[in-house]
């Protein structure tokens, strides 16, 4: 099988971190990228979720819950309170 080269530009620190991760799991960068390519071709999709907001706060379910809670407060149900600050130290 003939081989071909893929060239991609990535942040220098990201590349160093990726190389270190690959080494820590017994791979080299080329092998890790080939695993990704094979997974894409096998599944016919990107093999992980891609979303604009990975923060669970912005999930559909949480936003619906917040909207429901705000509506309940506006209707006089529930209790409003101030922010409770926690010292992380």
C-alpha atoms as a PDB file:
ATOM      1  CA  UNK A   1       0.000   0.000   0.000  1.00  0.00           C
ATOM      2  CA  UNK A   2       1.409   3.385  -0.988  1.00  0.00           C
ATOM      3  CA  UNK A   3       1.652   5.976   1.755  1.00  0.00           C
ATOM      4  CA  UNK A   4       0.779   9.642   1.523  1.00  0.00           C
ATOM      5  CA  UNK A   5       1.618  12.601   3.752  1.00  0.00           C
ATOM      6  CA  UNK A   6      -0.863  14.837   5.531  1.00  0.00           C
ATOM      7  CA  UNK A   7       0.429  18.216   6.688  1.00  0.00           C
ATOM      8  CA  UNK A   8      -1.440  20.223   9.300  1.00  0.00           C
ATOM      9  CA  UNK A   9      -0.583  23.363  11.205  1.00  0.00           C
ATOM     10  CA  UNK A  10      -1.131  23.233  14.957  1.00  0.00           C
ATOM     11  CA  UNK A  11      -0.112  25.385  17.866  1.00  0.00           C
ATOM     12  CA  UNK A  12       3.442  24.579  18.968  1.00  0.00           C
ATOM     13  CA  UNK A  13       2.421  23.894  22.584  1.00  0.00           C
ATOM     14  CA  UNK A  14      -0.529  21.744  21.459  1.00  0.00           C
ATOM     15  CA  UNK A  15       1.825  19.646  19.319  1.00  0.00           C
ATOM     16  CA  UNK A  16       4.258  19.183  22.181  1.00  0.00           C
ATOM     17  CA  UNK A  17       1.414  18.177  24.517  1.00  0.00           C
ATOM     18  CA  UNK A  18      -0.043  15.809  21.900  1.00  0.00           C
ATOM     19  CA  UNK A  19       3.366  14.208  21.289  1.00  0.00           C
ATOM     20  CA  UNK A  20       3.819  13.748  25.042  1.00  0.00           C
ATOM     21  CA  UNK A  21       0.346  12.223  25.404  1.00  0.00           C
ATOM     22  CA  UNK A  22       0.952   9.836  22.506  1.00  0.00           C
ATOM     23  CA  UNK A  23       4.277   8.745  24.024  1.00  0.00           C
ATOM     24  CA  UNK A  24       2.604   8.198  27.407  1.00  0.00           C
ATOM     25  CA  UNK A  25       0.153   5.714  25.848  1.00  0.00           C
ATOM     26  CA  UNK A  26       2.779   3.985  23.723  1.00  0.00           C
ATOM     27  CA  UNK A  27       2.015   5.634  20.374  1.00  0.00           C
ATOM     28  CA  UNK A  28       3.758   8.062  18.132  1.00  0.00           C
ATOM     29  CA  UNK A  29       1.980  11.023  16.589  1.00  0.00           C
ATOM     30  CA  UNK A  30       1.699   9.422  13.156  1.00  0.00           C
ATOM     31  CA  UNK A  31       0.079   6.284  14.579  1.00  0.00           C
ATOM     32  CA  UNK A  32      -2.419   8.333  16.610  1.00  0.00           C
ATOM     33  CA  UNK A  33      -3.418  10.329  13.530  1.00  0.00           C
ATOM     34  CA  UNK A  34      -3.765   7.110  11.520  1.00  0.00           C
ATOM     35  CA  UNK A  35      -6.050   5.720  14.248  1.00  0.00           C
ATOM     36  CA  UNK A  36      -8.216   8.825  13.885  1.00  0.00           C
ATOM     37  CA  UNK A  37      -8.341   8.507  10.070  1.00  0.00           C
ATOM     38  CA  UNK A  38      -9.286   4.806  10.288  1.00  0.00           C
ATOM     39  CA  UNK A  39     -12.025   5.548  12.855  1.00  0.00           C
ATOM     40  CA  UNK A  40     -13.495   8.263  10.588  1.00  0.00           C
ATOM     41  CA  UNK A  41     -13.525   5.916   7.604  1.00  0.00           C
ATOM     42  CA  UNK A  42     -14.926   2.981   9.601  1.00  0.00           C
ATOM     43  CA  UNK A  43     -17.729   5.022  11.229  1.00  0.00           C
ATOM     44  CA  UNK A  44     -18.239   7.423   8.315  1.00  0.00           C
ATOM     45  CA  UNK A  45     -18.272  10.317  10.795  1.00  0.00           C
ATOM     46  CA  UNK A  46     -16.020  12.195  13.193  1.00  0.00           C
ATOM     47  CA  UNK A  47     -15.660   9.644  16.039  1.00  0.00           C
ATOM     48  CA  UNK A  48     -16.484  12.079  18.826  1.00  0.00           C
ATOM     49  CA  UNK A  49     -19.056  14.775  19.514  1.00  0.00           C
ATOM     50  CA  UNK A  50     -18.289  18.242  18.212  1.00  0.00           C
ATOM     51  CA  UNK A  51     -20.291  20.995  19.820  1.00  0.00           C
ATOM     52  CA  UNK A  52     -20.094  24.717  20.113  1.00  0.00           C
ATOM     53  CA  UNK A  53     -20.358  24.681  23.888  1.00  0.00           C
ATOM     54  CA  UNK A  54     -18.892  21.724  25.727  1.00  0.00           C
ATOM     55  CA  UNK A  55     -19.790  23.315  29.070  1.00  0.00           C
ATOM     56  CA  UNK A  56     -22.753  21.322  30.480  1.00  0.00           C
ATOM     57  CA  UNK A  57     -24.254  24.598  31.715  1.00  0.00           C
ATOM     58  CA  UNK A  58     -25.210  25.374  28.103  1.00  0.00           C
ATOM     59  CA  UNK A  59     -26.760  21.979  27.392  1.00  0.00           C
ATOM     60  CA  UNK A  60     -30.340  21.946  26.141  1.00  0.00           C
ATOM     61  CA  UNK A  61     -31.505  20.118  29.265  1.00  0.00           C
ATOM     62  CA  UNK A  62     -29.910  22.592  31.671  1.00  0.00           C
ATOM     63  CA  UNK A  63     -31.148  25.631  29.744  1.00  0.00           C
ATOM     64  CA  UNK A  64     -34.692  24.209  29.792  1.00  0.00           C
ATOM     65  CA  UNK A  65     -34.400  23.632  33.556  1.00  0.00           C
ATOM     66  CA  UNK A  66     -33.190  27.211  34.123  1.00  0.00           C
ATOM     67  CA  UNK A  67     -36.008  28.655  32.006  1.00  0.00           C
ATOM     68  CA  UNK A  68     -38.560  26.558  33.922  1.00  0.00           C
ATOM     69  CA  UNK A  69     -37.112  27.777  37.241  1.00  0.00           C
ATOM     70  CA  UNK A  70     -37.154  31.429  36.133  1.00  0.00           C
ATOM     71  CA  UNK A  71     -40.789  31.095  35.048  1.00  0.00           C
ATOM     72  CA  UNK A  72     -41.692  29.547  38.396  1.00  0.00           C
ATOM     73  CA  UNK A  73     -40.070  32.460  40.230  1.00  0.00           C
ATOM     74  CA  UNK A  74     -41.919  34.956  38.034  1.00  0.00           C
ATOM     75  CA  UNK A  75     -45.184  33.176  38.866  1.00  0.00           C
ATOM     76  CA  UNK A  76     -44.482  33.535  42.597  1.00  0.00           C
ATOM     77  CA  UNK A  77     -43.463  29.939  43.151  1.00  0.00           C
ATOM     78  CA  UNK A  78     -40.069  29.089  44.620  1.00  0.00           C
ATOM     79  CA  UNK A  79     -37.676  31.179  46.676  1.00  0.00           C
ATOM     80  CA  UNK A  80     -35.146  33.661  45.346  1.00  0.00           C
ATOM     81  CA  UNK A  81     -31.907  33.964  47.299  1.00  0.00           C
ATOM     82  CA  UNK A  82     -28.572  35.677  46.920  1.00  0.00           C
ATOM     83  CA  UNK A  83     -25.397  34.120  45.599  1.00  0.00           C
ATOM     84  CA  UNK A  84     -23.807  31.715  48.025  1.00  0.00           C
ATOM     85  CA  UNK A  85     -20.041  32.143  47.790  1.00  0.00           C
ATOM     86  CA  UNK A  86     -17.756  29.273  48.739  1.00  0.00           C
ATOM     87  CA  UNK A  87     -14.137  29.706  49.714  1.00  0.00           C
ATOM     88  CA  UNK A  88     -12.079  27.276  47.599  1.00  0.00           C
ATOM     89  CA  UNK A  89      -9.050  27.664  49.865  1.00  0.00           C
END
